[in-house]
């Protein structure tokens, strides 16, 4: 597309889409959302850029190959499942830890968030690999 208005709008919309994708990722524990929907939203931010500026600009902006993103996500998801196994529990059993932050209180982090992060990366990488691959052909 060779449209200055679309290109300019895409530059402003892309950071908002990425921020919204993180919101969806973090919302997924208590509400509908999570890694899958967040990953699709993140991929759509770069697909929008590819439509506005070309696939090469989108790949440069991504800073990582989509296949590497998929591999990192798969490794993250497997790690989240293996934490419970190391602790003598069944694979993918949720495990939580508490981090005390003195002025703010206690932060509860769990392996379900780590698993969702892995799904986020796998879905974003898969969608980008497919769409950018088709766009380049």
Protein backbone atom coordinates (compact mmCIF):
# COMPACT_ATOMS: atom_id res chain seq x y z
CA UNK A 1 0.00 0.00 0.00
CA UNK A 2 1.36 3.40 -0.94
CA UNK A 3 -0.69 5.68 1.27
CA UNK A 4 0.92 8.28 3.54
CA UNK A 5 -2.08 8.51 5.85
CA UNK A 6 -2.18 4.74 6.38
CA UNK A 7 1.58 4.61 6.96
CA UNK A 8 1.41 7.42 9.53
CA UNK A 9 -1.58 5.88 11.31
CA UNK A 10 0.15 2.50 11.43
CA UNK A 11 3.16 4.06 13.18
CA UNK A 12 0.88 5.34 15.95
CA UNK A 13 -1.36 2.27 16.18
CA UNK A 14 1.43 -0.35 16.37
CA UNK A 15 2.64 0.58 19.89
CA UNK A 16 -0.97 0.65 21.10
CA UNK A 17 -1.58 -2.82 19.70
CA UNK A 18 1.58 -4.14 21.39
CA UNK A 19 0.55 -2.58 24.69
CA UNK A 20 -2.94 -4.07 24.34
CA UNK A 21 -1.40 -7.47 23.60
CA UNK A 22 0.48 -7.32 26.91
CA UNK A 23 -2.75 -6.33 28.64
CA UNK A 24 -4.48 -9.37 27.13
CA UNK A 25 -1.58 -11.60 28.19
CA UNK A 26 -1.75 -10.46 31.80
CA UNK A 27 -5.56 -10.47 31.88
CA UNK A 28 -5.69 -14.14 30.94
CA UNK A 29 -5.44 -15.54 34.46
CA UNK A 30 -8.70 -14.12 35.79
CA UNK A 31 -10.59 -13.10 32.66
CA UNK A 32 -10.79 -14.25 29.03
CA UNK A 33 -7.51 -13.57 27.29
CA UNK A 34 -4.06 -14.97 27.80
CA UNK A 35 -1.14 -16.00 25.68
CA UNK A 36 -3.05 -17.05 22.58
CA UNK A 37 -5.11 -13.90 22.10
CA UNK A 38 -2.23 -11.68 23.22
CA UNK A 39 0.12 -13.35 20.73
CA UNK A 40 -2.34 -12.82 17.91
CA UNK A 41 -2.66 -9.15 18.85
CA UNK A 42 1.13 -8.74 18.93
CA UNK A 43 1.43 -10.38 15.52
CA UNK A 44 -1.28 -8.09 14.15
CA UNK A 45 0.80 -5.06 15.15
CA UNK A 46 3.69 -6.22 12.95
CA UNK A 47 1.34 -7.36 10.18
CA UNK A 48 -0.14 -3.86 10.13
CA UNK A 49 3.37 -2.46 9.78
CA UNK A 50 4.09 -4.93 6.96
CA UNK A 51 0.98 -3.74 5.15
CA UNK A 52 1.95 -0.09 5.60
CA UNK A 53 5.72 -0.18 5.07
CA UNK A 54 6.53 -3.58 3.59
CA UNK A 55 7.61 -6.91 5.01
CA UNK A 56 11.27 -5.95 5.22
CA UNK A 57 10.46 -3.02 7.54
CA UNK A 58 8.31 -5.29 9.70
CA UNK A 59 11.09 -7.87 9.98
CA UNK A 60 13.63 -5.18 10.91
CA UNK A 61 11.26 -3.80 13.53
CA UNK A 62 10.69 -7.27 14.99
CA UNK A 63 14.46 -7.68 15.68
CA UNK A 64 14.14 -11.48 15.80
CA UNK A 65 13.24 -14.19 13.32
CA UNK A 66 9.69 -15.52 13.81
CA UNK A 67 11.04 -19.08 13.98
CA UNK A 68 13.39 -18.08 16.82
CA UNK A 69 10.38 -16.53 18.56
CA UNK A 70 8.51 -19.82 18.23
CA UNK A 71 11.47 -21.78 19.59
CA UNK A 72 11.87 -19.42 22.56
CA UNK A 73 8.16 -19.70 23.30
CA UNK A 74 8.21 -23.47 23.17
CA UNK A 75 11.21 -23.55 25.48
CA UNK A 76 9.50 -21.17 27.90
CA UNK A 77 6.31 -23.25 27.98
CA UNK A 78 8.24 -26.47 28.53
CA UNK A 79 10.25 -24.81 31.31
CA UNK A 80 7.00 -23.73 32.99
CA UNK A 81 5.82 -27.33 32.99
CA UNK A 82 9.14 -28.74 34.11
CA UNK A 83 9.31 -26.56 37.24
CA UNK A 84 6.62 -28.69 38.89
CA UNK A 85 8.35 -31.91 37.79
CA UNK A 86 11.59 -30.80 39.45
CA UNK A 87 9.61 -30.17 42.65
CA UNK A 88 8.20 -33.73 42.55
CA UNK A 89 4.74 -32.83 41.21
CA UNK A 90 3.02 -33.72 37.92
CA UNK A 91 4.07 -31.88 34.76
CA UNK A 92 2.33 -28.49 34.29
CA UNK A 93 1.12 -28.25 37.89
CA UNK A 94 0.94 -24.59 38.86
CA UNK A 95 3.69 -23.42 41.18
CA UNK A 96 3.81 -19.99 42.81
CA UNK A 97 6.45 -17.96 44.56
CA UNK A 98 6.29 -14.73 46.50
CA UNK A 99 8.60 -11.79 45.96
CA UNK A 100 8.60 -9.19 48.70
CA UNK A 101 8.93 -5.62 47.45
CA UNK A 102 9.24 -3.47 50.60
CA UNK A 103 7.36 -0.31 49.69
CA UNK A 104 4.66 -2.10 47.67
CA UNK A 105 4.01 -5.42 49.39
CA UNK A 106 4.18 -8.95 48.03
CA UNK A 107 4.12 -9.99 44.39
CA UNK A 108 2.81 -13.51 43.63
CA UNK A 109 4.32 -15.01 40.48
CA UNK A 110 3.38 -18.40 39.11
CA UNK A 111 4.25 -20.83 36.38
CA UNK A 112 0.87 -20.32 34.63
CA UNK A 113 2.06 -16.82 33.66
CA UNK A 114 5.33 -18.32 32.37
CA UNK A 115 3.35 -20.87 30.35
CA UNK A 116 1.12 -18.12 28.93
CA UNK A 117 4.22 -16.15 27.97
CA UNK A 118 5.49 -19.19 26.07
CA UNK A 119 2.15 -19.53 24.27
CA UNK A 120 2.28 -15.79 23.50
CA UNK A 121 5.66 -16.15 21.78
CA UNK A 122 4.71 -19.34 19.90
CA UNK A 123 1.46 -17.87 18.57
CA UNK A 124 3.03 -14.52 17.61
CA UNK A 125 5.95 -16.25 15.88
CA UNK A 126 3.70 -18.69 14.03
CA UNK A 127 1.31 -16.00 12.80
CA UNK A 128 4.18 -13.77 11.70
CA UNK A 129 6.02 -16.60 9.93
CA UNK A 130 2.89 -17.52 7.99
CA UNK A 131 1.70 -14.03 7.08
CA UNK A 132 5.12 -12.53 6.34
CA UNK A 133 6.07 -15.64 4.35
CA UNK A 134 2.95 -15.35 2.20
CA UNK A 135 3.41 -11.60 1.80
CA UNK A 136 6.94 -12.04 0.52
CA UNK A 137 5.83 -14.53 -2.12
